[in-house]
């Protein structure tokens, strides 16, 4: 592969499709304890400087979806509305029961389909068999199906989660009409399996069904993960950080590829960090992932596929705009987030 000359971070543009900006760590609070002052503005400045043009804030429950919508409106971003599989028990505990919970999600979507900060996907929903202490497989499957009805009703893409549950995950999607073309025949609009960590075979099946796959630091931890990431076709790839989670660390298999990241990009994608209690201007917080790191994810994908970085970033950018139907006012890679 012929390496390209990298000018600066402003040469590339990104949309982080999965970021948990409602997490209190971005306001300086960790596990209920205040460790430093609110530095959300600094986080957003670093994202802007790294080439991010927008973000999609993840809704992981009814309450979190409300918070995501509020923050998305304040910041001019987008968000998802749904209930994460590990939170699925909330449906049954809700006053009025599962029907009332689903109706509340429905109402939230219906009232936020247009304008600044709108809901662009149903989710995060799916199955997680790695953490069954939060919700049983039966409970997860039931409420995964119910949320698929919202995607059909509002013709919105799905923001999906699948962990150690591929067979049941695909079975439900197929049974609900999402087995071909992303579910267009039943009113669906496809979707993305975010933070993808499955096998190349699983990736191929999901792509053939019409879904996109999104990668972050957790998608690039092991050599097996790298093989899967390499198997994801560029026309089906999206980029995310899942911040503040899924950091790219020195112990991951991705390190071998990040070693070649030019200093002109590293300073923007991975700024110097410090402990939370020492948080100061210009530094990130150790262990807290940020949207600016999405460029590092793109770099690894570019190395795995052996195609120019700009090809990966522009393809992922356009995939994102197409899937979620986004209106990005800033189309000039040399400009920044509004």
C-alpha atoms as a PDB file:
ATOM      1  CA  UNK A   1       0.000   0.000   0.000  1.00  0.00           C
ATOM      2  CA  UNK A   2       1.267   3.480  -0.821  1.00  0.00           C
ATOM      3  CA  UNK A   3       0.973   5.654   2.268  1.00  0.00           C
ATOM      4  CA  UNK A   4      -0.640   9.031   1.744  1.00  0.00           C
ATOM      5  CA  UNK A   5       0.758  12.257   3.116  1.00  0.00           C
ATOM      6  CA  UNK A   6      -1.408  13.374   6.041  1.00  0.00           C
ATOM      7  CA  UNK A   7      -1.806  17.121   6.339  1.00  0.00           C
ATOM      8  CA  UNK A   8      -3.993  17.613   9.411  1.00  0.00           C
ATOM      9  CA  UNK A   9      -7.155  16.483  11.169  1.00  0.00           C
ATOM     10  CA  UNK A  10      -9.135  19.137   9.284  1.00  0.00           C
ATOM     11  CA  UNK A  11      -8.673  17.045   6.132  1.00  0.00           C
ATOM     12  CA  UNK A  12     -11.170  14.444   7.378  1.00  0.00           C
ATOM     13  CA  UNK A  13     -14.751  14.610   8.633  1.00  0.00           C
ATOM     14  CA  UNK A  14     -16.632  12.338  10.986  1.00  0.00           C
ATOM     15  CA  UNK A  15     -19.996  11.675  12.583  1.00  0.00           C
ATOM     16  CA  UNK A  16     -19.793   9.682  15.828  1.00  0.00           C
ATOM     17  CA  UNK A  17     -22.902   7.490  15.526  1.00  0.00           C
ATOM     18  CA  UNK A  18     -22.837   6.233  19.119  1.00  0.00           C
ATOM     19  CA  UNK A  19     -21.882   8.507  21.992  1.00  0.00           C
ATOM     20  CA  UNK A  20     -23.238   8.528  25.546  1.00  0.00           C
ATOM     21  CA  UNK A  21     -22.984  12.254  26.188  1.00  0.00           C
ATOM     22  CA  UNK A  22     -25.628  12.071  28.930  1.00  0.00           C
ATOM     23  CA  UNK A  23     -23.174  10.166  31.126  1.00  0.00           C
ATOM     24  CA  UNK A  24     -22.304  12.252  34.221  1.00  0.00           C
ATOM     25  CA  UNK A  25     -18.554  11.753  33.677  1.00  0.00           C
ATOM     26  CA  UNK A  26     -18.753  14.494  31.036  1.00  0.00           C
ATOM     27  CA  UNK A  27     -19.933  16.781  33.836  1.00  0.00           C
ATOM     28  CA  UNK A  28     -17.115  15.705  36.157  1.00  0.00           C
ATOM     29  CA  UNK A  29     -19.046  13.157  38.263  1.00  0.00           C
ATOM     30  CA  UNK A  30     -17.826   9.556  38.549  1.00  0.00           C
ATOM     31  CA  UNK A  31     -19.887   6.944  40.431  1.00  0.00           C
ATOM     32  CA  UNK A  32     -21.766   9.692  42.217  1.00  0.00           C
ATOM     33  CA  UNK A  33     -18.644  11.612  43.276  1.00  0.00           C
ATOM     34  CA  UNK A  34     -17.586  14.978  41.851  1.00  0.00           C
ATOM     35  CA  UNK A  35     -14.003  14.679  40.639  1.00  0.00           C
ATOM     36  CA  UNK A  36     -13.614  17.793  38.508  1.00  0.00           C
ATOM     37  CA  UNK A  37     -15.573  20.666  37.004  1.00  0.00           C
ATOM     38  CA  UNK A  38     -17.974  20.197  34.112  1.00  0.00           C
ATOM     39  CA  UNK A  39     -15.797  19.983  30.980  1.00  0.00           C
ATOM     40  CA  UNK A  40     -18.425  19.217  28.341  1.00  0.00           C
ATOM     41  CA  UNK A  41     -17.438  22.302  26.344  1.00  0.00           C
ATOM     42  CA  UNK A  42     -13.821  21.159  26.250  1.00  0.00           C
ATOM     43  CA  UNK A  43     -14.949  17.696  25.078  1.00  0.00           C
ATOM     44  CA  UNK A  44     -16.948  19.311  22.277  1.00  0.00           C
ATOM     45  CA  UNK A  45     -14.029  21.588  21.335  1.00  0.00           C
ATOM     46  CA  UNK A  46     -11.734  18.573  21.026  1.00  0.00           C
ATOM     47  CA  UNK A  47     -14.332  16.792  18.890  1.00  0.00           C
ATOM     48  CA  UNK A  48     -14.616  19.835  16.638  1.00  0.00           C
ATOM     49  CA  UNK A  49     -10.856  20.071  16.259  1.00  0.00           C
ATOM     50  CA  UNK A  50     -10.689  16.359  15.400  1.00  0.00           C
ATOM     51  CA  UNK A  51     -13.069  16.804  12.454  1.00  0.00           C
ATOM     52  CA  UNK A  52     -16.418  15.796  13.925  1.00  0.00           C
ATOM     53  CA  UNK A  53     -19.358  17.420  12.182  1.00  0.00           C
ATOM     54  CA  UNK A  54     -22.092  15.883  14.335  1.00  0.00           C
ATOM     55  CA  UNK A  55     -22.933  13.096  16.763  1.00  0.00           C
ATOM     56  CA  UNK A  56     -25.818  10.758  17.538  1.00  0.00           C
ATOM     57  CA  UNK A  57     -26.447  10.571  21.287  1.00  0.00           C
ATOM     58  CA  UNK A  58     -27.570   7.142  22.437  1.00  0.00           C
ATOM     59  CA  UNK A  59     -30.847   6.614  24.290  1.00  0.00           C
ATOM     60  CA  UNK A  60     -30.624   3.502  26.493  1.00  0.00           C
ATOM     61  CA  UNK A  61     -33.925   3.679  28.413  1.00  0.00           C
ATOM     62  CA  UNK A  62     -37.051   5.807  28.554  1.00  0.00           C
ATOM     63  CA  UNK A  63     -35.432   8.236  30.994  1.00  0.00           C
ATOM     64  CA  UNK A  64     -32.083   8.272  29.189  1.00  0.00           C
ATOM     65  CA  UNK A  65     -33.822   8.799  25.849  1.00  0.00           C
ATOM     66  CA  UNK A  66     -35.516  11.883  27.270  1.00  0.00           C
ATOM     67  CA  UNK A  67     -32.141  13.127  28.446  1.00  0.00           C
ATOM     68  CA  UNK A  68     -30.548  12.346  25.086  1.00  0.00           C
ATOM     69  CA  UNK A  69     -33.260  14.296  23.264  1.00  0.00           C
ATOM     70  CA  UNK A  70     -32.851  17.282  25.539  1.00  0.00           C
ATOM     71  CA  UNK A  71     -29.066  17.323  25.122  1.00  0.00           C
ATOM     72  CA  UNK A  72     -29.283  16.764  21.368  1.00  0.00           C
ATOM     73  CA  UNK A  73     -31.564  19.795  21.057  1.00  0.00           C
ATOM     74  CA  UNK A  74     -29.227  21.916  23.172  1.00  0.00           C
ATOM     75  CA  UNK A  75     -26.159  20.942  21.161  1.00  0.00           C
ATOM     76  CA  UNK A  76     -27.722  20.637  17.712  1.00  0.00           C
ATOM     77  CA  UNK A  77     -26.940  16.911  17.397  1.00  0.00           C
ATOM     78  CA  UNK A  78     -29.205  13.879  16.882  1.00  0.00           C
ATOM     79  CA  UNK A  79     -30.256  11.019  19.153  1.00  0.00           C
ATOM     80  CA  UNK A  80     -31.832   7.570  19.393  1.00  0.00           C
ATOM     81  CA  UNK A  81     -34.882   6.549  21.432  1.00  0.00           C
ATOM     82  CA  UNK A  82     -35.177   3.073  22.899  1.00  0.00           C
ATOM     83  CA  UNK A  83     -34.341   0.631  25.682  1.00  0.00           C
ATOM     84  CA  UNK A  84     -31.071  -1.306  25.934  1.00  0.00           C
ATOM     85  CA  UNK A  85     -31.487  -5.074  26.485  1.00  0.00           C
ATOM     86  CA  UNK A  86     -29.865  -4.872  29.920  1.00  0.00           C
ATOM     87  CA  UNK A  87     -32.570  -2.337  30.866  1.00  0.00           C
ATOM     88  CA  UNK A  88     -35.429  -4.411  29.411  1.00  0.00           C
ATOM     89  CA  UNK A  89     -36.793  -5.253  32.869  1.00  0.00           C
ATOM     90  CA  UNK A  90     -37.912  -1.615  33.083  1.00  0.00           C
ATOM     91  CA  UNK A  91     -40.794  -2.481  30.755  1.00  0.00           C
ATOM     92  CA  UNK A  92     -42.293  -4.850  33.326  1.00  0.00           C
ATOM     93  CA  UNK A  93     -41.593  -2.641  36.336  1.00  0.00           C
ATOM     94  CA  UNK A  94     -43.082   0.463  34.758  1.00  0.00           C
ATOM     95  CA  UNK A  95     -46.310   1.896  36.158  1.00  0.00           C
ATOM     96  CA  UNK A  96     -48.982   0.580  33.838  1.00  0.00           C
ATOM     97  CA  UNK A  97     -46.774  -2.269  32.651  1.00  0.00           C
ATOM     98  CA  UNK A  98     -44.935  -2.983  29.387  1.00  0.00           C
ATOM     99  CA  UNK A  99     -47.674  -1.502  27.199  1.00  0.00           C
ATOM    100  CA  UNK A 100     -47.438   1.822  29.008  1.00  0.00           C
ATOM    101  CA  UNK A 101     -43.616   1.842  28.712  1.00  0.00           C
ATOM    102  CA  UNK A 102     -43.784   1.160  24.983  1.00  0.00           C
ATOM    103  CA  UNK A 103     -46.473   3.811  24.587  1.00  0.00           C
ATOM    104  CA  UNK A 104     -44.224   6.324  26.370  1.00  0.00           C
ATOM    105  CA  UNK A 105     -41.354   5.498  23.982  1.00  0.00           C
ATOM    106  CA  UNK A 106     -43.784   5.775  21.076  1.00  0.00           C
ATOM    107  CA  UNK A 107     -44.936   9.208  22.228  1.00  0.00           C
ATOM    108  CA  UNK A 108     -41.342  10.345  22.662  1.00  0.00           C
ATOM    109  CA  UNK A 109     -40.491   9.340  19.101  1.00  0.00           C
ATOM    110  CA  UNK A 110     -43.671  10.831  17.625  1.00  0.00           C
ATOM    111  CA  UNK A 111     -43.053  14.219  19.207  1.00  0.00           C
ATOM    112  CA  UNK A 112     -39.399  14.408  18.144  1.00  0.00           C
ATOM    113  CA  UNK A 113     -39.294  13.391  14.495  1.00  0.00           C
ATOM    114  CA  UNK A 114     -38.429  16.814  13.143  1.00  0.00           C
ATOM    115  CA  UNK A 115     -36.221  19.783  13.862  1.00  0.00           C
ATOM    116  CA  UNK A 116     -33.129  20.343  15.922  1.00  0.00           C
ATOM    117  CA  UNK A 117     -32.077  17.408  18.077  1.00  0.00           C
ATOM    118  CA  UNK A 118     -34.532  14.986  16.495  1.00  0.00           C
ATOM    119  CA  UNK A 119     -34.720  11.238  17.023  1.00  0.00           C
ATOM    120  CA  UNK A 120     -33.142   9.459  14.056  1.00  0.00           C
ATOM    121  CA  UNK A 121     -33.299   5.811  15.162  1.00  0.00           C
ATOM    122  CA  UNK A 122     -35.061   3.323  17.411  1.00  0.00           C
ATOM    123  CA  UNK A 123     -32.756   1.896  20.045  1.00  0.00           C
ATOM    124  CA  UNK A 124     -30.445   1.074  21.563  1.00  0.00           C
ATOM    125  CA  UNK A 125     -32.301  -2.238  21.483  1.00  0.00           C
ATOM    126  CA  UNK A 126     -31.417  -5.876  20.924  1.00  0.00           C
ATOM    127  CA  UNK A 127     -30.093  -8.787  22.975  1.00  0.00           C
ATOM    128  CA  UNK A 128     -27.251  -9.136  25.498  1.00  0.00           C
ATOM    129  CA  UNK A 129     -26.681 -12.659  26.832  1.00  0.00           C
ATOM    130  CA  UNK A 130     -23.403 -11.646  28.487  1.00  0.00           C
ATOM    131  CA  UNK A 131     -25.247  -9.779  31.272  1.00  0.00           C
ATOM    132  CA  UNK A 132     -28.303 -11.864  32.073  1.00  0.00           C
ATOM    133  CA  UNK A 133     -28.312 -10.735  35.712  1.00  0.00           C
ATOM    134  CA  UNK A 134     -29.974  -7.538  34.486  1.00  0.00           C
ATOM    135  CA  UNK A 135     -32.703  -9.133  32.372  1.00  0.00           C
ATOM    136  CA  UNK A 136     -33.462 -12.717  31.374  1.00  0.00           C
ATOM    137  CA  UNK A 137     -33.317 -13.840  27.733  1.00  0.00           C
ATOM    138  CA  UNK A 138     -37.109 -14.116  27.686  1.00  0.00           C
ATOM    139  CA  UNK A 139     -37.590 -10.556  28.911  1.00  0.00           C
ATOM    140  CA  UNK A 140     -34.991  -9.243  26.458  1.00  0.00           C
ATOM    141  CA  UNK A 141     -36.532 -11.054  23.497  1.00  0.00           C
ATOM    142  CA  UNK A 142     -40.046  -9.845  24.293  1.00  0.00           C
ATOM    143  CA  UNK A 143     -39.131  -6.202  24.541  1.00  0.00           C
ATOM    144  CA  UNK A 144     -36.745  -6.308  21.614  1.00  0.00           C
ATOM    145  CA  UNK A 145     -39.679  -7.378  19.447  1.00  0.00           C
ATOM    146  CA  UNK A 146     -41.923  -4.639  20.781  1.00  0.00           C
ATOM    147  CA  UNK A 147     -39.389  -1.945  19.890  1.00  0.00           C
ATOM    148  CA  UNK A 148     -39.113  -3.272  16.343  1.00  0.00           C
ATOM    149  CA  UNK A 149     -42.743  -2.245  15.949  1.00  0.00           C
ATOM    150  CA  UNK A 150     -41.718   1.386  16.465  1.00  0.00           C
ATOM    151  CA  UNK A 151     -39.138   1.174  13.670  1.00  0.00           C
ATOM    152  CA  UNK A 152     -41.853  -0.123  11.344  1.00  0.00           C
ATOM    153  CA  UNK A 153     -44.402   2.472  12.459  1.00  0.00           C
ATOM    154  CA  UNK A 154     -42.126   5.489  12.081  1.00  0.00           C
ATOM    155  CA  UNK A 155     -39.953   4.145   9.246  1.00  0.00           C
ATOM    156  CA  UNK A 156     -36.811   4.769  11.253  1.00  0.00           C
ATOM    157  CA  UNK A 157     -33.556   2.789  11.216  1.00  0.00           C
ATOM    158  CA  UNK A 158     -32.623   0.592  14.161  1.00  0.00           C
ATOM    159  CA  UNK A 159     -29.719   1.210  16.530  1.00  0.00           C
ATOM    160  CA  UNK A 160     -28.970  -2.372  17.543  1.00  0.00           C
ATOM    161  CA  UNK A 161     -27.035  -4.206  20.256  1.00  0.00           C
ATOM    162  CA  UNK A 162     -26.004  -7.867  20.052  1.00  0.00           C
ATOM    163  CA  UNK A 163     -23.750  -9.658  22.546  1.00  0.00           C
ATOM    164  CA  UNK A 164     -23.358 -13.451  22.644  1.00  0.00           C
ATOM    165  CA  UNK A 165     -26.857 -13.757  21.179  1.00  0.00           C
ATOM    166  CA  UNK A 166     -26.423 -13.778  17.406  1.00  0.00           C
ATOM    167  CA  UNK A 167     -28.698 -16.752  16.637  1.00  0.00           C
ATOM    168  CA  UNK A 168     -31.684 -15.383  18.607  1.00  0.00           C
ATOM    169  CA  UNK A 169     -30.925 -11.829  17.482  1.00  0.00           C
ATOM    170  CA  UNK A 170     -31.069 -12.730  13.796  1.00  0.00           C
ATOM    171  CA  UNK A 171     -34.037 -15.058  14.320  1.00  0.00           C
ATOM    172  CA  UNK A 172     -36.133 -12.250  15.809  1.00  0.00           C
ATOM    173  CA  UNK A 173     -35.107  -9.779  13.112  1.00  0.00           C
ATOM    174  CA  UNK A 174     -36.071 -12.263  10.404  1.00  0.00           C
ATOM    175  CA  UNK A 175     -39.365 -13.190  12.044  1.00  0.00           C
ATOM    176  CA  UNK A 176     -40.261  -9.513  12.341  1.00  0.00           C
ATOM    177  CA  UNK A 177     -39.607  -8.883   8.635  1.00  0.00           C
ATOM    178  CA  UNK A 178     -36.064  -7.504   8.813  1.00  0.00           C
ATOM    179  CA  UNK A 179     -34.428 -10.442   7.041  1.00  0.00           C
ATOM    180  CA  UNK A 180     -34.039  -8.712   3.691  1.00  0.00           C
ATOM    181  CA  UNK A 181     -33.343  -5.160   2.638  1.00  0.00           C
ATOM    182  CA  UNK A 182     -33.241  -3.984   6.232  1.00  0.00           C
ATOM    183  CA  UNK A 183     -36.976  -4.584   6.614  1.00  0.00           C
ATOM    184  CA  UNK A 184     -38.192  -2.211   3.914  1.00  0.00           C
ATOM    185  CA  UNK A 185     -41.078  -4.567   3.090  1.00  0.00           C
ATOM    186  CA  UNK A 186     -42.540  -4.068   6.587  1.00  0.00           C
ATOM    187  CA  UNK A 187     -41.830  -0.351   6.890  1.00  0.00           C
ATOM    188  CA  UNK A 188     -38.341  -0.626   8.312  1.00  0.00           C
ATOM    189  CA  UNK A 189     -35.330   1.352   7.189  1.00  0.00           C
ATOM    190  CA  UNK A 190     -32.492  -0.984   8.031  1.00  0.00           C
ATOM    191  CA  UNK A 191     -30.190   0.006  10.828  1.00  0.00           C
ATOM    192  CA  UNK A 192     -26.809  -0.570  12.391  1.00  0.00           C
ATOM    193  CA  UNK A 193     -25.461  -3.155  14.810  1.00  0.00           C
ATOM    194  CA  UNK A 194     -23.293  -0.858  16.882  1.00  0.00           C
ATOM    195  CA  UNK A 195     -20.092  -1.714  18.730  1.00  0.00           C
ATOM    196  CA  UNK A 196     -19.860  -4.848  16.611  1.00  0.00           C
ATOM    197  CA  UNK A 197     -17.728  -7.655  18.058  1.00  0.00           C
ATOM    198  CA  UNK A 198     -19.107 -10.694  16.243  1.00  0.00           C
ATOM    199  CA  UNK A 199     -17.400 -13.050  13.811  1.00  0.00           C
ATOM    200  CA  UNK A 200     -16.752 -12.485  10.092  1.00  0.00           C
ATOM    201  CA  UNK A 201     -19.528 -14.982   9.317  1.00  0.00           C
ATOM    202  CA  UNK A 202     -21.975 -13.088  11.539  1.00  0.00           C
ATOM    203  CA  UNK A 203     -20.916  -9.817   9.962  1.00  0.00           C
ATOM    204  CA  UNK A 204     -21.552 -11.216   6.505  1.00  0.00           C
ATOM    205  CA  UNK A 205     -25.027 -12.438   7.460  1.00  0.00           C
ATOM    206  CA  UNK A 206     -26.044  -9.076   8.906  1.00  0.00           C
ATOM    207  CA  UNK A 207     -24.701  -7.151   5.912  1.00  0.00           C
ATOM    208  CA  UNK A 208     -26.597  -9.482   3.589  1.00  0.00           C
ATOM    209  CA  UNK A 209     -29.759  -8.709   5.560  1.00  0.00           C
ATOM    210  CA  UNK A 210     -29.238  -5.040   4.776  1.00  0.00           C
ATOM    211  CA  UNK A 211     -27.659  -3.794   7.997  1.00  0.00           C
ATOM    212  CA  UNK A 212     -24.632  -1.630   8.655  1.00  0.00           C
ATOM    213  CA  UNK A 213     -21.985  -2.494  11.249  1.00  0.00           C
ATOM    214  CA  UNK A 214     -20.351   0.115  13.449  1.00  0.00           C
ATOM    215  CA  UNK A 215     -16.921  -0.229  14.995  1.00  0.00           C
ATOM    216  CA  UNK A 216     -15.237   1.360  18.003  1.00  0.00           C
ATOM    217  CA  UNK A 217     -12.361   0.535  20.314  1.00  0.00           C
ATOM    218  CA  UNK A 218     -14.125  -2.562  21.670  1.00  0.00           C
ATOM    219  CA  UNK A 219     -14.509  -3.826  18.097  1.00  0.00           C
ATOM    220  CA  UNK A 220     -10.712  -3.793  17.706  1.00  0.00           C
ATOM    221  CA  UNK A 221      -9.468  -5.406  20.930  1.00  0.00           C
ATOM    222  CA  UNK A 222      -8.291  -8.811  19.696  1.00  0.00           C
ATOM    223  CA  UNK A 223      -6.757 -10.296  16.561  1.00  0.00           C
ATOM    224  CA  UNK A 224     -10.112 -12.012  15.983  1.00  0.00           C
ATOM    225  CA  UNK A 225     -11.833  -8.625  16.211  1.00  0.00           C
ATOM    226  CA  UNK A 226      -9.434  -7.230  13.621  1.00  0.00           C
ATOM    227  CA  UNK A 227     -10.256 -10.058  11.228  1.00  0.00           C
ATOM    228  CA  UNK A 228     -13.942  -9.249  11.586  1.00  0.00           C
ATOM    229  CA  UNK A 229     -13.348  -5.526  11.088  1.00  0.00           C
ATOM    230  CA  UNK A 230     -11.417  -6.350   7.933  1.00  0.00           C
ATOM    231  CA  UNK A 231     -14.409  -8.404   6.732  1.00  0.00           C
ATOM    232  CA  UNK A 232     -16.816  -5.458   7.029  1.00  0.00           C
ATOM    233  CA  UNK A 233     -17.320  -3.969   3.594  1.00  0.00           C
ATOM    234  CA  UNK A 234     -16.607  -0.209   3.439  1.00  0.00           C
ATOM    235  CA  UNK A 235     -20.095   0.372   2.005  1.00  0.00           C
ATOM    236  CA  UNK A 236     -21.520  -1.110   5.235  1.00  0.00           C
ATOM    237  CA  UNK A 237     -19.207   0.451   7.834  1.00  0.00           C
ATOM    238  CA  UNK A 238     -20.023   3.212  10.323  1.00  0.00           C
ATOM    239  CA  UNK A 239     -17.742   4.765  12.949  1.00  0.00           C
ATOM    240  CA  UNK A 240     -18.322   5.473  16.636  1.00  0.00           C
ATOM    241  CA  UNK A 241     -16.600   5.768  19.987  1.00  0.00           C
ATOM    242  CA  UNK A 242     -19.363   4.665  22.420  1.00  0.00           C
ATOM    243  CA  UNK A 243     -17.762   7.308  24.661  1.00  0.00           C
ATOM    244  CA  UNK A 244     -17.132   7.378  27.565  1.00  0.00           C
ATOM    245  CA  UNK A 245     -16.706   3.607  27.069  1.00  0.00           C
ATOM    246  CA  UNK A 246     -14.713   1.474  24.605  1.00  0.00           C
ATOM    247  CA  UNK A 247     -11.409   3.357  24.729  1.00  0.00           C
ATOM    248  CA  UNK A 248      -8.563   2.171  22.532  1.00  0.00           C
ATOM    249  CA  UNK A 249      -5.827   1.099  24.933  1.00  0.00           C
ATOM    250  CA  UNK A 250      -2.248  -0.084  24.664  1.00  0.00           C
ATOM    251  CA  UNK A 251      -3.236  -3.669  25.439  1.00  0.00           C
ATOM    252  CA  UNK A 252      -5.499  -3.996  22.409  1.00  0.00           C
ATOM    253  CA  UNK A 253      -4.578  -5.593  19.096  1.00  0.00           C
ATOM    254  CA  UNK A 254      -5.305  -2.235  17.453  1.00  0.00           C
ATOM    255  CA  UNK A 255      -2.114  -0.848  19.007  1.00  0.00           C
ATOM    256  CA  UNK A 256       0.023  -2.262  16.177  1.00  0.00           C
ATOM    257  CA  UNK A 257      -1.890  -0.115  13.680  1.00  0.00           C
ATOM    258  CA  UNK A 258      -2.192   2.986  15.844  1.00  0.00           C
ATOM    259  CA  UNK A 259       1.606   2.998  16.128  1.00  0.00           C
ATOM    260  CA  UNK A 260       1.720   4.419  12.600  1.00  0.00           C
ATOM    261  CA  UNK A 261      -0.756   7.230  13.332  1.00  0.00           C
ATOM    262  CA  UNK A 262       1.003  10.483  12.298  1.00  0.00           C
ATOM    263  CA  UNK A 263       1.663  13.079  15.040  1.00  0.00           C
ATOM    264  CA  UNK A 264      -0.435  15.565  13.049  1.00  0.00           C
ATOM    265  CA  UNK A 265      -3.471  13.369  13.728  1.00  0.00           C
ATOM    266  CA  UNK A 266      -2.530  11.857  17.080  1.00  0.00           C
ATOM    267  CA  UNK A 267      -2.553  15.237  18.814  1.00  0.00           C
ATOM    268  CA  UNK A 268      -6.218  15.670  17.841  1.00  0.00           C
ATOM    269  CA  UNK A 269      -7.511  12.093  18.127  1.00  0.00           C
ATOM    270  CA  UNK A 270      -5.642  11.212  21.326  1.00  0.00           C
ATOM    271  CA  UNK A 271      -4.742  14.402  23.234  1.00  0.00           C
ATOM    272  CA  UNK A 272      -2.672  14.148  26.446  1.00  0.00           C
ATOM    273  CA  UNK A 273      -4.633  12.796  29.415  1.00  0.00           C
ATOM    274  CA  UNK A 274      -4.560  13.090  33.176  1.00  0.00           C
ATOM    275  CA  UNK A 275      -6.315  11.641  36.218  1.00  0.00           C
ATOM    276  CA  UNK A 276      -9.852  12.976  36.862  1.00  0.00           C
ATOM    277  CA  UNK A 277      -8.818  14.945  39.950  1.00  0.00           C
ATOM    278  CA  UNK A 278      -6.092  16.680  37.929  1.00  0.00           C
ATOM    279  CA  UNK A 279      -8.337  17.561  34.991  1.00  0.00           C
ATOM    280  CA  UNK A 280      -7.109  20.764  33.355  1.00  0.00           C
ATOM    281  CA  UNK A 281      -7.728  22.640  30.125  1.00  0.00           C
ATOM    282  CA  UNK A 282      -6.333  20.904  27.062  1.00  0.00           C
ATOM    283  CA  UNK A 283      -6.177  17.426  28.598  1.00  0.00           C
ATOM    284  CA  UNK A 284      -8.566  14.496  28.447  1.00  0.00           C
ATOM    285  CA  UNK A 285      -9.361  12.274  31.434  1.00  0.00           C
ATOM    286  CA  UNK A 286      -7.572   8.930  31.709  1.00  0.00           C
ATOM    287  CA  UNK A 287      -9.968   6.037  31.124  1.00  0.00           C
ATOM    288  CA  UNK A 288     -12.748   8.270  29.762  1.00  0.00           C
ATOM    289  CA  UNK A 289     -13.194   7.872  26.035  1.00  0.00           C
ATOM    290  CA  UNK A 290     -14.131  10.946  23.985  1.00  0.00           C
ATOM    291  CA  UNK A 291     -15.653  11.524  20.539  1.00  0.00           C
ATOM    292  CA  UNK A 292     -12.350  12.952  19.255  1.00  0.00           C
ATOM    293  CA  UNK A 293     -10.969   9.385  19.306  1.00  0.00           C
ATOM    294  CA  UNK A 294     -13.258   8.322  16.440  1.00  0.00           C
ATOM    295  CA  UNK A 295     -10.415   9.254  14.093  1.00  0.00           C
ATOM    296  CA  UNK A 296      -8.273   6.571  15.709  1.00  0.00           C
ATOM    297  CA  UNK A 297     -10.936   3.989  14.890  1.00  0.00           C
ATOM    298  CA  UNK A 298     -10.971   5.181  11.280  1.00  0.00           C
ATOM    299  CA  UNK A 299      -7.174   4.934  11.127  1.00  0.00           C
ATOM    300  CA  UNK A 300      -7.215   1.263  12.150  1.00  0.00           C
ATOM    301  CA  UNK A 301      -9.930   0.452   9.598  1.00  0.00           C
ATOM    302  CA  UNK A 302      -7.907   2.250   6.925  1.00  0.00           C
ATOM    303  CA  UNK A 303      -4.852   0.144   7.790  1.00  0.00           C
ATOM    304  CA  UNK A 304      -6.815  -3.122   7.829  1.00  0.00           C
ATOM    305  CA  UNK A 305      -8.428  -2.483   4.439  1.00  0.00           C
ATOM    306  CA  UNK A 306      -5.275  -0.942   2.958  1.00  0.00           C
ATOM    307  CA  UNK A 307      -7.191   1.908   1.346  1.00  0.00           C
ATOM    308  CA  UNK A 308      -6.709   5.668   1.850  1.00  0.00           C
ATOM    309  CA  UNK A 309      -7.903   7.152   5.128  1.00  0.00           C
ATOM    310  CA  UNK A 310     -10.054   9.674   3.280  1.00  0.00           C
ATOM    311  CA  UNK A 311     -11.817   6.829   1.465  1.00  0.00           C
ATOM    312  CA  UNK A 312     -12.806   5.277   4.800  1.00  0.00           C
ATOM    313  CA  UNK A 313     -13.815   8.544   6.443  1.00  0.00           C
ATOM    314  CA  UNK A 314     -15.851   9.805   3.492  1.00  0.00           C
ATOM    315  CA  UNK A 315     -17.517   6.439   2.908  1.00  0.00           C
ATOM    316  CA  UNK A 316     -18.480   6.124   6.590  1.00  0.00           C
ATOM    317  CA  UNK A 317     -19.655   9.743   6.638  1.00  0.00           C
ATOM    318  CA  UNK A 318     -21.916   9.234   3.626  1.00  0.00           C
ATOM    319  CA  UNK A 319     -23.143   5.853   4.917  1.00  0.00           C
ATOM    320  CA  UNK A 320     -24.198   7.619   8.125  1.00  0.00           C
ATOM    321  CA  UNK A 321     -25.980  10.464   6.360  1.00  0.00           C
ATOM    322  CA  UNK A 322     -27.799   8.001   4.104  1.00  0.00           C
ATOM    323  CA  UNK A 323     -28.864   5.587   6.843  1.00  0.00           C
ATOM    324  CA  UNK A 324     -30.125   8.146   9.337  1.00  0.00           C
ATOM    325  CA  UNK A 325     -31.301  10.747   6.834  1.00  0.00           C
ATOM    326  CA  UNK A 326     -29.177  13.447   8.425  1.00  0.00           C
ATOM    327  CA  UNK A 327     -28.977  17.055   7.364  1.00  0.00           C
ATOM    328  CA  UNK A 328     -25.413  18.186   7.958  1.00  0.00           C
ATOM    329  CA  UNK A 329     -25.169  21.911   7.343  1.00  0.00           C
ATOM    330  CA  UNK A 330     -21.390  21.870   7.412  1.00  0.00           C
ATOM    331  CA  UNK A 331     -20.292  19.945   4.321  1.00  0.00           C
ATOM    332  CA  UNK A 332     -16.818  21.453   4.106  1.00  0.00           C
ATOM    333  CA  UNK A 333     -14.184  19.169   5.726  1.00  0.00           C
ATOM    334  CA  UNK A 334     -12.141  22.255   6.650  1.00  0.00           C
ATOM    335  CA  UNK A 335     -14.940  23.622   8.839  1.00  0.00           C
ATOM    336  CA  UNK A 336     -16.127  22.487  12.253  1.00  0.00           C
ATOM    337  CA  UNK A 337     -19.112  21.566  14.365  1.00  0.00           C
ATOM    338  CA  UNK A 338     -21.591  24.383  14.746  1.00  0.00           C
END
